[in-house]
Amino acid sequence: MAKQQQLDWDDFKLVKIIAEASGLAGAAERLGVNHSTVFRRLGQMEENLGVKLFERHRTGYVLTPAGEEMAALAEQMEENVTSFTRKLVGQAVAPAGELRVTTNDTLLVHLLTHIFSRFVKACPEMRLDVVLANQALNLSKRDADVAIRATDDPPETLVGRRVATIAWAVYGRLQDFPDQHQPVDLNSPELYNRHWVALGDNLAALKAARFVRDRVAPENIVYKVNTVLGLAEAVEAGLGIGPLPCFIADASPNLVRLSDVNPDFSAGLWLLTHPDLRQSARVRAFMDFMATEIGKQRRWIEGNGKKPADQAISTTTRPLI
């Protein structure tokens, strides 16, 4: 007879996340744990329940009927928690006042401005002061209240959440590659005999910048620029090929993706604040709203879909971790 266990919320949530990610690797990334940890937890759960929750296919993990029931219950639980949270928020004083947000120009132009607009409409008593800076501002000194950053190494002095992974790939101008239908092998020597564009020295620490520096001969790097926006414009102008964030390049009809998404280029997208500010009504309202809205565009940011149409204003919130 199969063993039974007392299930808790984490078990249901794990099944839901694996289903949404279509596999263990994506689930592990969302949970911030190792692939082996998710594999072990799922195996223990299936053994204790005596049923399979997923069918393993080459294309990913697919829910069994038992798994579908658990995922549906997890969705229902999440909705109930959200409903309860909204009731509590409704009983509290509405967030009001100014919030200073720091981010970079790339994220602002191609992702955040429309979301900021929806936030201001949803919270009419709030005002946003957006500070553009590629370097990390000192949130301890209140240079900013919230930072929205692309990084794999957020400062240990800050708290927040990773809301997506920014995917990169190598792109070229469409008119230079009109018949490009299959991804190019990044180990192909022919690729590196072409003209390339690269990020400037101030962004040399970025993975994409290191990739070009390590793989492309200096004489083939014909153009450098110190912003990602400028890099995208350079590729679109036909100066050369180069690595670009998919959420920028895929939105342009003049660019074509030459390579598969390269995990060696990727970076986490983080919402960060100082621990002393995490309970601020303004900060919590903003970060919960941003997490929900960015989550709706996650597939696009991670290079797996087209840019979605403008979303309606969402009132769904999630706890700040």
C-alpha atoms as a PDB file:
ATOM      1  CA  MET A   1       0.000   0.000   0.000  1.00  0.00           C
ATOM      2  CA  ALA A   2       1.348   3.431  -0.936  1.00  0.00           C
ATOM      3  CA  LYS A   3       2.565   5.634   1.823  1.00  0.00           C
ATOM      4  CA  GLN A   4       0.670   8.853   2.428  1.00  0.00           C
ATOM      5  CA  GLN A   5       1.955  12.166   3.667  1.00  0.00           C
ATOM      6  CA  GLN A   6       0.475  15.346   5.069  1.00  0.00           C
ATOM      7  CA  LEU A   7       0.761  17.766   2.160  1.00  0.00           C
ATOM      8  CA  ASP A   8       1.499  21.409   2.771  1.00  0.00           C
ATOM      9  CA  TRP A   9       1.321  24.535   0.630  1.00  0.00           C
ATOM     10  CA  ASP A  10       4.920  24.214  -0.549  1.00  0.00           C
ATOM     11  CA  ASP A  11       4.137  20.845  -2.181  1.00  0.00           C
ATOM     12  CA  PHE A  12       1.241  22.281  -4.165  1.00  0.00           C
ATOM     13  CA  LYS A  13       3.259  25.359  -5.089  1.00  0.00           C
ATOM     14  CA  LEU A  14       6.156  23.202  -6.309  1.00  0.00           C
ATOM     15  CA  VAL A  15       3.898  21.221  -8.662  1.00  0.00           C
ATOM     16  CA  LYS A  16       2.403  24.447 -10.033  1.00  0.00           C
ATOM     17  CA  ILE A  17       5.820  26.017 -10.642  1.00  0.00           C
ATOM     18  CA  ILE A  18       7.217  22.911 -12.385  1.00  0.00           C
ATOM     19  CA  ALA A  19       4.136  22.848 -14.623  1.00  0.00           C
ATOM     20  CA  GLU A  20       4.488  26.536 -15.497  1.00  0.00           C
ATOM     21  CA  ALA A  21       8.191  26.113 -16.226  1.00  0.00           C
ATOM     22  CA  SER A  22       7.642  22.836 -18.157  1.00  0.00           C
ATOM     23  CA  GLY A  23      10.575  21.286 -16.335  1.00  0.00           C
ATOM     24  CA  LEU A  24      12.877  21.211 -13.353  1.00  0.00           C
ATOM     25  CA  ALA A  25      15.526  23.670 -14.561  1.00  0.00           C
ATOM     26  CA  GLY A  26      13.097  26.555 -14.953  1.00  0.00           C
ATOM     27  CA  ALA A  27      11.402  25.693 -11.667  1.00  0.00           C
ATOM     28  CA  ALA A  28      14.736  25.617  -9.848  1.00  0.00           C
ATOM     29  CA  GLU A  29      15.605  29.044 -11.226  1.00  0.00           C
ATOM     30  CA  ARG A  30      12.300  30.522 -10.098  1.00  0.00           C
ATOM     31  CA  LEU A  31      12.688  29.022  -6.635  1.00  0.00           C
ATOM     32  CA  GLY A  32      16.350  29.995  -6.328  1.00  0.00           C
ATOM     33  CA  VAL A  33      17.480  26.429  -5.609  1.00  0.00           C
ATOM     34  CA  ASN A  34      19.521  23.765  -7.376  1.00  0.00           C
ATOM     35  CA  HIS A  35      18.038  21.535 -10.086  1.00  0.00           C
ATOM     36  CA  SER A  36      18.868  18.515  -7.921  1.00  0.00           C
ATOM     37  CA  THR A  37      16.857  19.937  -5.020  1.00  0.00           C
ATOM     38  CA  VAL A  38      13.703  20.188  -7.150  1.00  0.00           C
ATOM     39  CA  PHE A  39      14.315  16.698  -8.573  1.00  0.00           C
ATOM     40  CA  ARG A  40      14.684  15.253  -5.079  1.00  0.00           C
ATOM     41  CA  ARG A  41      11.618  17.040  -3.665  1.00  0.00           C
ATOM     42  CA  LEU A  42       9.417  15.934  -6.556  1.00  0.00           C
ATOM     43  CA  GLY A  43      10.681  12.358  -6.311  1.00  0.00           C
ATOM     44  CA  GLN A  44       9.989  12.219  -2.577  1.00  0.00           C
ATOM     45  CA  MET A  45       6.526  13.655  -3.064  1.00  0.00           C
ATOM     46  CA  GLU A  46       5.616  11.128  -5.779  1.00  0.00           C
ATOM     47  CA  GLU A  47       7.004   8.248  -3.733  1.00  0.00           C
ATOM     48  CA  ASN A  48       5.080   9.255  -0.622  1.00  0.00           C
ATOM     49  CA  LEU A  49       1.842   9.819  -2.551  1.00  0.00           C
ATOM     50  CA  GLY A  50       2.261   6.657  -4.566  1.00  0.00           C
ATOM     51  CA  VAL A  51       1.326   8.387  -7.840  1.00  0.00           C
ATOM     52  CA  LYS A  52       3.171  10.134 -10.648  1.00  0.00           C
ATOM     53  CA  LEU A  53       2.522  13.860 -10.850  1.00  0.00           C
ATOM     54  CA  PHE A  54       4.323  14.402 -14.153  1.00  0.00           C
ATOM     55  CA  GLU A  55       5.035  12.506 -17.340  1.00  0.00           C
ATOM     56  CA  ARG A  56       8.607  13.062 -18.506  1.00  0.00           C
ATOM     57  CA  HIS A  57       8.814  13.900 -22.213  1.00  0.00           C
ATOM     58  CA  ARG A  58      11.617  15.198 -24.405  1.00  0.00           C
ATOM     59  CA  THR A  59       9.750  18.487 -24.681  1.00  0.00           C
ATOM     60  CA  GLY A  60       9.365  18.876 -20.926  1.00  0.00           C
ATOM     61  CA  TYR A  61       7.338  17.804 -17.916  1.00  0.00           C
ATOM     62  CA  VAL A  62       3.590  17.280 -18.498  1.00  0.00           C
ATOM     63  CA  LEU A  63       1.076  17.005 -15.662  1.00  0.00           C
ATOM     64  CA  THR A  64      -0.679  13.706 -15.020  1.00  0.00           C
ATOM     65  CA  PRO A  65      -4.336  13.819 -13.890  1.00  0.00           C
ATOM     66  CA  ALA A  66      -3.172  13.785 -10.250  1.00  0.00           C
ATOM     67  CA  GLY A  67      -0.703  16.556 -10.999  1.00  0.00           C
ATOM     68  CA  GLU A  68      -3.413  18.586 -12.730  1.00  0.00           C
ATOM     69  CA  GLU A  69      -5.547  18.408  -9.602  1.00  0.00           C
ATOM     70  CA  MET A  70      -2.664  19.594  -7.419  1.00  0.00           C
ATOM     71  CA  ALA A  71      -1.825  22.442  -9.817  1.00  0.00           C
ATOM     72  CA  ALA A  72      -5.489  23.520  -9.913  1.00  0.00           C
ATOM     73  CA  LEU A  73      -5.663  23.530  -6.115  1.00  0.00           C
ATOM     74  CA  ALA A  74      -2.450  25.563  -5.978  1.00  0.00           C
ATOM     75  CA  GLU A  75      -3.977  28.114  -8.352  1.00  0.00           C
ATOM     76  CA  GLN A  76      -7.093  28.270  -6.177  1.00  0.00           C
ATOM     77  CA  MET A  77      -5.005  28.717  -3.015  1.00  0.00           C
ATOM     78  CA  GLU A  78      -3.054  31.530  -4.650  1.00  0.00           C
ATOM     79  CA  GLU A  79      -6.257  33.276  -5.692  1.00  0.00           C
ATOM     80  CA  ASN A  80      -7.654  32.969  -2.169  1.00  0.00           C
ATOM     81  CA  VAL A  81      -4.492  34.446  -0.675  1.00  0.00           C
ATOM     82  CA  THR A  82      -4.592  37.260  -3.224  1.00  0.00           C
ATOM     83  CA  SER A  83      -8.228  37.976  -2.403  1.00  0.00           C
ATOM     84  CA  PHE A  84      -7.452  38.075   1.320  1.00  0.00           C
ATOM     85  CA  THR A  85      -4.480  40.358   0.705  1.00  0.00           C
ATOM     86  CA  ARG A  86      -6.622  42.741  -1.326  1.00  0.00           C
ATOM     87  CA  LYS A  87      -9.121  42.927   1.545  1.00  0.00           C
ATOM     88  CA  LEU A  88      -6.338  43.826   3.954  1.00  0.00           C
ATOM     89  CA  VAL A  89      -4.978  46.435   1.574  1.00  0.00           C
ATOM     90  CA  GLY A  90      -8.452  47.869   1.233  1.00  0.00           C
ATOM     91  CA  GLN A  91      -8.635  48.325   5.002  1.00  0.00           C
ATOM     92  CA  ALA A  92      -5.275  50.084   5.120  1.00  0.00           C
ATOM     93  CA  VAL A  93      -4.440  53.645   4.225  1.00  0.00           C
ATOM     94  CA  ALA A  94      -3.830  53.860   0.487  1.00  0.00           C
ATOM     95  CA  PRO A  95      -0.160  54.399  -0.408  1.00  0.00           C
ATOM     96  CA  ALA A  96       0.605  58.015  -1.167  1.00  0.00           C
ATOM     97  CA  GLY A  97       3.583  60.291  -1.704  1.00  0.00           C
ATOM     98  CA  GLU A  98       6.732  60.217  -3.813  1.00  0.00           C
ATOM     99  CA  LEU A  99       8.809  57.140  -4.573  1.00  0.00           C
ATOM    100  CA  ARG A 100      12.272  57.399  -6.105  1.00  0.00           C
ATOM    101  CA  VAL A 101      13.110  54.529  -8.464  1.00  0.00           C
ATOM    102  CA  THR A 102      16.468  53.891 -10.084  1.00  0.00           C
ATOM    103  CA  THR A 103      16.947  51.796 -13.208  1.00  0.00           C
ATOM    104  CA  ASN A 104      18.847  51.992 -16.499  1.00  0.00           C
ATOM    105  CA  ASP A 105      17.826  53.484 -19.833  1.00  0.00           C
ATOM    106  CA  THR A 106      17.458  50.114 -21.560  1.00  0.00           C
ATOM    107  CA  LEU A 107      14.895  48.783 -19.093  1.00  0.00           C
ATOM    108  CA  LEU A 108      13.075  52.116 -18.916  1.00  0.00           C
ATOM    109  CA  VAL A 109      12.605  52.560 -22.656  1.00  0.00           C
ATOM    110  CA  HIS A 110      11.769  48.996 -23.651  1.00  0.00           C
ATOM    111  CA  LEU A 111       9.968  47.640 -20.596  1.00  0.00           C
ATOM    112  CA  LEU A 112       9.192  49.873 -17.655  1.00  0.00           C
ATOM    113  CA  THR A 113       7.648  53.147 -18.846  1.00  0.00           C
ATOM    114  CA  HIS A 114       4.290  51.596 -19.771  1.00  0.00           C
ATOM    115  CA  ILE A 115       4.212  49.662 -16.501  1.00  0.00           C
ATOM    116  CA  PHE A 116       5.015  52.849 -14.558  1.00  0.00           C
ATOM    117  CA  SER A 117       2.088  54.504 -16.350  1.00  0.00           C
ATOM    118  CA  ARG A 118      -0.279  51.747 -15.255  1.00  0.00           C
ATOM    119  CA  PHE A 119       1.014  51.988 -11.683  1.00  0.00           C
ATOM    120  CA  VAL A 120       0.391  55.736 -11.468  1.00  0.00           C
ATOM    121  CA  LYS A 121      -3.146  55.191 -12.743  1.00  0.00           C
ATOM    122  CA  ALA A 122      -3.713  52.395 -10.222  1.00  0.00           C
ATOM    123  CA  CYS A 123      -2.273  54.445  -7.337  1.00  0.00           C
ATOM    124  CA  PRO A 124      -3.233  58.050  -8.117  1.00  0.00           C
ATOM    125  CA  GLU A 125      -1.870  59.346  -4.815  1.00  0.00           C
ATOM    126  CA  MET A 126       1.633  58.136  -5.711  1.00  0.00           C
ATOM    127  CA  ARG A 127       4.314  60.056  -7.616  1.00  0.00           C
ATOM    128  CA  LEU A 128       7.376  58.465  -9.234  1.00  0.00           C
ATOM    129  CA  ASP A 129      10.812  60.077  -9.465  1.00  0.00           C
ATOM    130  CA  VAL A 130      12.833  57.912 -11.889  1.00  0.00           C
ATOM    131  CA  VAL A 131      16.623  58.162 -11.761  1.00  0.00           C
ATOM    132  CA  LEU A 132      18.591  56.646 -14.657  1.00  0.00           C
ATOM    133  CA  ALA A 133      21.949  55.222 -13.658  1.00  0.00           C
ATOM    134  CA  ASN A 134      23.869  52.094 -14.638  1.00  0.00           C
ATOM    135  CA  GLN A 135      25.820  52.118 -11.393  1.00  0.00           C
ATOM    136  CA  ALA A 136      24.207  51.010  -8.157  1.00  0.00           C
ATOM    137  CA  LEU A 137      22.922  53.945  -6.130  1.00  0.00           C
ATOM    138  CA  ASN A 138      23.210  53.905  -2.355  1.00  0.00           C
ATOM    139  CA  LEU A 139      19.775  52.922  -1.107  1.00  0.00           C
ATOM    140  CA  SER A 140      21.049  53.164   2.462  1.00  0.00           C
ATOM    141  CA  LYS A 141      21.473  56.895   1.938  1.00  0.00           C
ATOM    142  CA  ARG A 142      18.070  57.131   0.214  1.00  0.00           C
ATOM    143  CA  ASP A 143      19.561  57.941  -3.189  1.00  0.00           C
ATOM    144  CA  ALA A 144      16.583  55.830  -4.263  1.00  0.00           C
ATOM    145  CA  ASP A 145      13.825  53.843  -2.598  1.00  0.00           C
ATOM    146  CA  VAL A 146      13.668  50.993  -5.128  1.00  0.00           C
ATOM    147  CA  ALA A 147      16.210  49.724  -7.659  1.00  0.00           C
ATOM    148  CA  ILE A 148      15.219  47.757 -10.777  1.00  0.00           C
ATOM    149  CA  ARG A 149      18.383  46.088 -11.945  1.00  0.00           C
ATOM    150  CA  ALA A 150      19.688  43.477 -14.360  1.00  0.00           C
ATOM    151  CA  THR A 151      22.210  41.538 -12.318  1.00  0.00           C
ATOM    152  CA  ASP A 152      23.162  38.081 -11.114  1.00  0.00           C
ATOM    153  CA  ASP A 153      24.786  39.452  -7.990  1.00  0.00           C
ATOM    154  CA  PRO A 154      22.467  41.859  -6.147  1.00  0.00           C
ATOM    155  CA  PRO A 155      24.024  43.628  -3.159  1.00  0.00           C
ATOM    156  CA  GLU A 156      23.713  41.659   0.066  1.00  0.00           C
ATOM    157  CA  THR A 157      22.607  44.838   1.822  1.00  0.00           C
ATOM    158  CA  LEU A 158      19.346  44.918  -0.176  1.00  0.00           C
ATOM    159  CA  VAL A 159      16.235  42.733  -0.188  1.00  0.00           C
ATOM    160  CA  GLY A 160      13.752  41.958  -2.927  1.00  0.00           C
ATOM    161  CA  ARG A 161      12.901  39.438  -5.572  1.00  0.00           C
ATOM    162  CA  ARG A 162      14.087  38.122  -8.906  1.00  0.00           C
ATOM    163  CA  VAL A 163      11.150  38.583 -11.275  1.00  0.00           C
ATOM    164  CA  ALA A 164      12.583  37.303 -14.582  1.00  0.00           C
ATOM    165  CA  THR A 165      15.705  36.269 -16.450  1.00  0.00           C
ATOM    166  CA  ILE A 166      16.770  38.629 -19.230  1.00  0.00           C
ATOM    167  CA  ALA A 167      17.660  36.488 -22.242  1.00  0.00           C
ATOM    168  CA  TRP A 168      20.286  37.495 -24.819  1.00  0.00           C
ATOM    169  CA  ALA A 169      21.197  36.143 -28.247  1.00  0.00           C
ATOM    170  CA  VAL A 170      23.342  37.203 -31.195  1.00  0.00           C
ATOM    171  CA  TYR A 171      21.478  39.354 -33.745  1.00  0.00           C
ATOM    172  CA  GLY A 172      22.125  40.840 -37.159  1.00  0.00           C
ATOM    173  CA  ARG A 173      20.359  43.217 -39.522  1.00  0.00           C
ATOM    174  CA  LEU A 174      17.560  41.447 -41.390  1.00  0.00           C
ATOM    175  CA  GLN A 175      18.571  42.733 -44.805  1.00  0.00           C
ATOM    176  CA  ASP A 176      22.051  41.273 -44.283  1.00  0.00           C
ATOM    177  CA  PHE A 177      20.593  37.859 -43.374  1.00  0.00           C
ATOM    178  CA  PRO A 178      17.348  37.617 -45.402  1.00  0.00           C
ATOM    179  CA  ASP A 179      17.442  33.818 -45.573  1.00  0.00           C
ATOM    180  CA  GLN A 180      18.385  33.185 -41.957  1.00  0.00           C
ATOM    181  CA  HIS A 181      16.020  30.512 -40.636  1.00  0.00           C
ATOM    182  CA  GLN A 182      18.256  28.278 -38.530  1.00  0.00           C
ATOM    183  CA  PRO A 183      20.372  29.349 -35.538  1.00  0.00           C
ATOM    184  CA  VAL A 184      24.086  29.707 -36.154  1.00  0.00           C
ATOM    185  CA  ASP A 185      26.511  27.599 -34.147  1.00  0.00           C
ATOM    186  CA  LEU A 186      28.325  29.982 -31.795  1.00  0.00           C
ATOM    187  CA  ASN A 187      31.429  27.826 -32.170  1.00  0.00           C
ATOM    188  CA  SER A 188      31.552  28.375 -35.945  1.00  0.00           C
ATOM    189  CA  PRO A 189      34.791  30.203 -36.915  1.00  0.00           C
ATOM    190  CA  GLU A 190      32.998  31.829 -39.853  1.00  0.00           C
ATOM    191  CA  LEU A 191      30.815  33.780 -37.439  1.00  0.00           C
ATOM    192  CA  TYR A 192      33.812  35.513 -35.908  1.00  0.00           C
ATOM    193  CA  ASN A 193      35.245  36.630 -39.243  1.00  0.00           C
ATOM    194  CA  ARG A 194      32.363  39.072 -39.580  1.00  0.00           C
ATOM    195  CA  HIS A 195      32.213  42.629 -38.284  1.00  0.00           C
ATOM    196  CA  TRP A 196      30.956  42.828 -34.712  1.00  0.00           C
ATOM    197  CA  VAL A 197      29.660  45.599 -32.485  1.00  0.00           C
ATOM    198  CA  ALA A 198      30.399  45.530 -28.771  1.00  0.00           C
ATOM    199  CA  LEU A 199      29.664  47.247 -25.481  1.00  0.00           C
ATOM    200  CA  GLY A 200      32.098  49.872 -24.245  1.00  0.00           C
ATOM    201  CA  ASP A 201      34.616  49.443 -21.464  1.00  0.00           C
ATOM    202  CA  ASN A 202      32.242  50.820 -18.821  1.00  0.00           C
ATOM    203  CA  LEU A 203      30.056  47.730 -19.336  1.00  0.00           C
ATOM    204  CA  ALA A 204      32.967  45.306 -19.688  1.00  0.00           C
ATOM    205  CA  ALA A 205      31.735  43.243 -16.722  1.00  0.00           C
ATOM    206  CA  LEU A 206      28.530  42.208 -18.515  1.00  0.00           C
ATOM    207  CA  LYS A 207      28.532  38.610 -19.722  1.00  0.00           C
ATOM    208  CA  ALA A 208      27.773  39.621 -23.317  1.00  0.00           C
ATOM    209  CA  ALA A 209      30.670  42.077 -23.314  1.00  0.00           C
ATOM    210  CA  ARG A 210      33.043  39.399 -22.015  1.00  0.00           C
ATOM    211  CA  PHE A 211      31.827  36.957 -24.661  1.00  0.00           C
ATOM    212  CA  VAL A 212      32.668  39.314 -27.523  1.00  0.00           C
ATOM    213  CA  ARG A 213      35.986  40.264 -25.962  1.00  0.00           C
ATOM    214  CA  ASP A 214      36.984  36.610 -25.519  1.00  0.00           C
ATOM    215  CA  ARG A 215      35.758  35.305 -28.881  1.00  0.00           C
ATOM    216  CA  VAL A 216      36.160  38.100 -31.436  1.00  0.00           C
ATOM    217  CA  ALA A 217      39.502  39.383 -32.718  1.00  0.00           C
ATOM    218  CA  PRO A 218      39.980  43.102 -31.880  1.00  0.00           C
ATOM    219  CA  GLU A 219      40.227  44.027 -35.572  1.00  0.00           C
ATOM    220  CA  ASN A 220      36.754  42.562 -36.175  1.00  0.00           C
ATOM    221  CA  ILE A 221      35.149  44.685 -33.440  1.00  0.00           C
ATOM    222  CA  VAL A 222      34.412  47.701 -35.623  1.00  0.00           C
ATOM    223  CA  TYR A 223      32.214  49.643 -33.212  1.00  0.00           C
ATOM    224  CA  LYS A 224      31.878  50.041 -29.454  1.00  0.00           C
ATOM    225  CA  VAL A 225      29.223  51.957 -27.572  1.00  0.00           C
ATOM    226  CA  ASN A 226      28.621  52.379 -23.859  1.00  0.00           C
ATOM    227  CA  THR A 227      24.867  51.691 -23.795  1.00  0.00           C
ATOM    228  CA  VAL A 228      22.811  48.644 -24.719  1.00  0.00           C
ATOM    229  CA  LEU A 229      20.361  50.930 -26.534  1.00  0.00           C
ATOM    230  CA  GLY A 230      23.227  52.196 -28.679  1.00  0.00           C
ATOM    231  CA  LEU A 231      24.343  48.635 -29.325  1.00  0.00           C
ATOM    232  CA  ALA A 232      20.904  47.706 -30.666  1.00  0.00           C
ATOM    233  CA  GLU A 233      20.878  50.756 -32.935  1.00  0.00           C
ATOM    234  CA  ALA A 234      24.347  49.861 -34.237  1.00  0.00           C
ATOM    235  CA  VAL A 235      23.257  46.332 -35.203  1.00  0.00           C
ATOM    236  CA  GLU A 236      20.104  47.726 -36.812  1.00  0.00           C
ATOM    237  CA  ALA A 237      22.229  50.196 -38.806  1.00  0.00           C
ATOM    238  CA  GLY A 238      24.275  47.329 -40.214  1.00  0.00           C
ATOM    239  CA  LEU A 239      27.555  48.146 -38.482  1.00  0.00           C
ATOM    240  CA  GLY A 240      27.944  44.513 -37.502  1.00  0.00           C
ATOM    241  CA  ILE A 241      26.408  41.626 -35.595  1.00  0.00           C
ATOM    242  CA  GLY A 242      26.327  41.495 -31.816  1.00  0.00           C
ATOM    243  CA  PRO A 243      24.639  40.190 -28.666  1.00  0.00           C
ATOM    244  CA  LEU A 244      21.413  41.924 -27.642  1.00  0.00           C
ATOM    245  CA  PRO A 245      18.661  41.388 -25.065  1.00  0.00           C
ATOM    246  CA  CYS A 246      15.855  39.475 -26.753  1.00  0.00           C
ATOM    247  CA  PHE A 247      13.140  41.763 -25.386  1.00  0.00           C
ATOM    248  CA  ILE A 248      14.712  44.645 -27.323  1.00  0.00           C
ATOM    249  CA  ALA A 249      15.805  42.922 -30.513  1.00  0.00           C
ATOM    250  CA  ASP A 250      12.768  40.681 -31.023  1.00  0.00           C
ATOM    251  CA  ALA A 251      10.538  43.773 -31.041  1.00  0.00           C
ATOM    252  CA  SER A 252      12.386  45.214 -34.044  1.00  0.00           C
ATOM    253  CA  PRO A 253      11.280  44.141 -37.545  1.00  0.00           C
ATOM    254  CA  ASN A 254      14.747  45.086 -38.826  1.00  0.00           C
ATOM    255  CA  LEU A 255      16.664  42.563 -36.717  1.00  0.00           C
ATOM    256  CA  VAL A 256      16.968  38.796 -36.961  1.00  0.00           C
ATOM    257  CA  ARG A 257      18.070  36.376 -34.262  1.00  0.00           C
ATOM    258  CA  LEU A 258      21.164  34.541 -35.470  1.00  0.00           C
ATOM    259  CA  SER A 259      21.790  32.265 -32.489  1.00  0.00           C
ATOM    260  CA  ASP A 260      19.737  30.454 -29.917  1.00  0.00           C
ATOM    261  CA  VAL A 261      19.254  32.184 -26.578  1.00  0.00           C
ATOM    262  CA  ASN A 262      22.627  31.911 -24.870  1.00  0.00           C
ATOM    263  CA  PRO A 263      22.430  31.322 -21.103  1.00  0.00           C
ATOM    264  CA  ASP A 264      26.019  32.560 -20.851  1.00  0.00           C
ATOM    265  CA  PHE A 265      24.672  36.069 -21.581  1.00  0.00           C
ATOM    266  CA  SER A 266      21.608  36.036 -19.339  1.00  0.00           C
ATOM    267  CA  ALA A 267      21.073  38.135 -16.227  1.00  0.00           C
ATOM    268  CA  GLY A 268      18.419  38.228 -13.537  1.00  0.00           C
ATOM    269  CA  LEU A 269      15.920  41.078 -13.397  1.00  0.00           C
ATOM    270  CA  TRP A 270      15.598  42.186  -9.775  1.00  0.00           C
ATOM    271  CA  LEU A 271      13.346  44.479  -7.749  1.00  0.00           C
ATOM    272  CA  LEU A 272      15.391  45.658  -4.769  1.00  0.00           C
ATOM    273  CA  THR A 273      14.984  47.899  -1.757  1.00  0.00           C
ATOM    274  CA  HIS A 274      16.637  48.556   1.585  1.00  0.00           C
ATOM    275  CA  PRO A 275      15.508  46.282   4.468  1.00  0.00           C
ATOM    276  CA  ASP A 276      14.336  49.318   6.431  1.00  0.00           C
ATOM    277  CA  LEU A 277      11.951  50.249   3.608  1.00  0.00           C
ATOM    278  CA  ARG A 278      10.436  46.843   2.878  1.00  0.00           C
ATOM    279  CA  GLN A 279       7.381  47.465   5.079  1.00  0.00           C
ATOM    280  CA  SER A 280       6.727  50.931   3.677  1.00  0.00           C
ATOM    281  CA  ALA A 281       3.251  51.082   2.136  1.00  0.00           C
ATOM    282  CA  ARG A 282       4.619  52.930  -0.885  1.00  0.00           C
ATOM    283  CA  VAL A 283       7.437  50.451  -1.462  1.00  0.00           C
ATOM    284  CA  ARG A 284       5.305  47.356  -0.986  1.00  0.00           C
ATOM    285  CA  ALA A 285       2.550  48.620  -3.274  1.00  0.00           C
ATOM    286  CA  PHE A 286       5.060  49.487  -5.988  1.00  0.00           C
ATOM    287  CA  MET A 287       7.103  46.280  -5.796  1.00  0.00           C
ATOM    288  CA  ASP A 288       4.047  44.028  -5.694  1.00  0.00           C
ATOM    289  CA  PHE A 289       2.553  45.804  -8.686  1.00  0.00           C
ATOM    290  CA  MET A 290       5.804  45.668 -10.662  1.00  0.00           C
ATOM    291  CA  ALA A 291       6.332  41.975  -9.904  1.00  0.00           C
ATOM    292  CA  THR A 292       2.865  41.123 -11.185  1.00  0.00           C
ATOM    293  CA  GLU A 293       3.108  43.235 -14.328  1.00  0.00           C
ATOM    294  CA  ILE A 294       6.617  42.064 -15.233  1.00  0.00           C
ATOM    295  CA  GLY A 295       5.483  38.505 -14.609  1.00  0.00           C
ATOM    296  CA  LYS A 296       2.890  38.913 -17.372  1.00  0.00           C
ATOM    297  CA  GLN A 297       5.707  39.708 -19.794  1.00  0.00           C
ATOM    298  CA  ARG A 298       8.130  37.084 -18.559  1.00  0.00           C
ATOM    299  CA  ARG A 299       8.031  34.873 -21.662  1.00  0.00           C
ATOM    300  CA  TRP A 300       8.929  37.841 -23.847  1.00  0.00           C
ATOM    301  CA  ILE A 301      11.734  38.958 -21.524  1.00  0.00           C
ATOM    302  CA  GLU A 302      13.114  35.418 -21.453  1.00  0.00           C
ATOM    303  CA  GLY A 303      13.159  35.180 -25.249  1.00  0.00           C
ATOM    304  CA  ASN A 304      10.236  32.757 -25.602  1.00  0.00           C
ATOM    305  CA  GLY A 305       7.519  34.855 -27.166  1.00  0.00           C
ATOM    306  CA  LYS A 306       6.392  38.076 -28.779  1.00  0.00           C
ATOM    307  CA  LYS A 307       5.947  41.343 -26.938  1.00  0.00           C
ATOM    308  CA  PRO A 308       2.466  41.222 -25.372  1.00  0.00           C
ATOM    309  CA  ALA A 309      -0.151  43.873 -25.967  1.00  0.00           C
ATOM    310  CA  ASP A 310      -0.587  46.487 -23.260  1.00  0.00           C
ATOM    311  CA  GLN A 311      -1.973  44.840 -20.161  1.00  0.00           C
ATOM    312  CA  ALA A 312      -4.889  46.056 -18.162  1.00  0.00           C
ATOM    313  CA  ILE A 313      -4.085  47.460 -14.743  1.00  0.00           C
ATOM    314  CA  SER A 314      -3.667  44.645 -12.252  1.00  0.00           C
ATOM    315  CA  THR A 315      -4.514  44.757  -8.565  1.00  0.00           C
ATOM    316  CA  THR A 316      -2.929  41.388  -7.810  1.00  0.00           C
ATOM    317  CA  THR A 317      -0.164  41.526  -5.231  1.00  0.00           C
ATOM    318  CA  ARG A 318       2.345  39.053  -3.923  1.00  0.00           C
ATOM    319  CA  PRO A 319       4.284  39.135  -0.662  1.00  0.00           C
ATOM    320  CA  LEU A 320       7.683  40.817  -0.743  1.00  0.00           C
ATOM    321  CA  ILE A 321      10.301  38.230   0.100  1.00  0.00           C
END
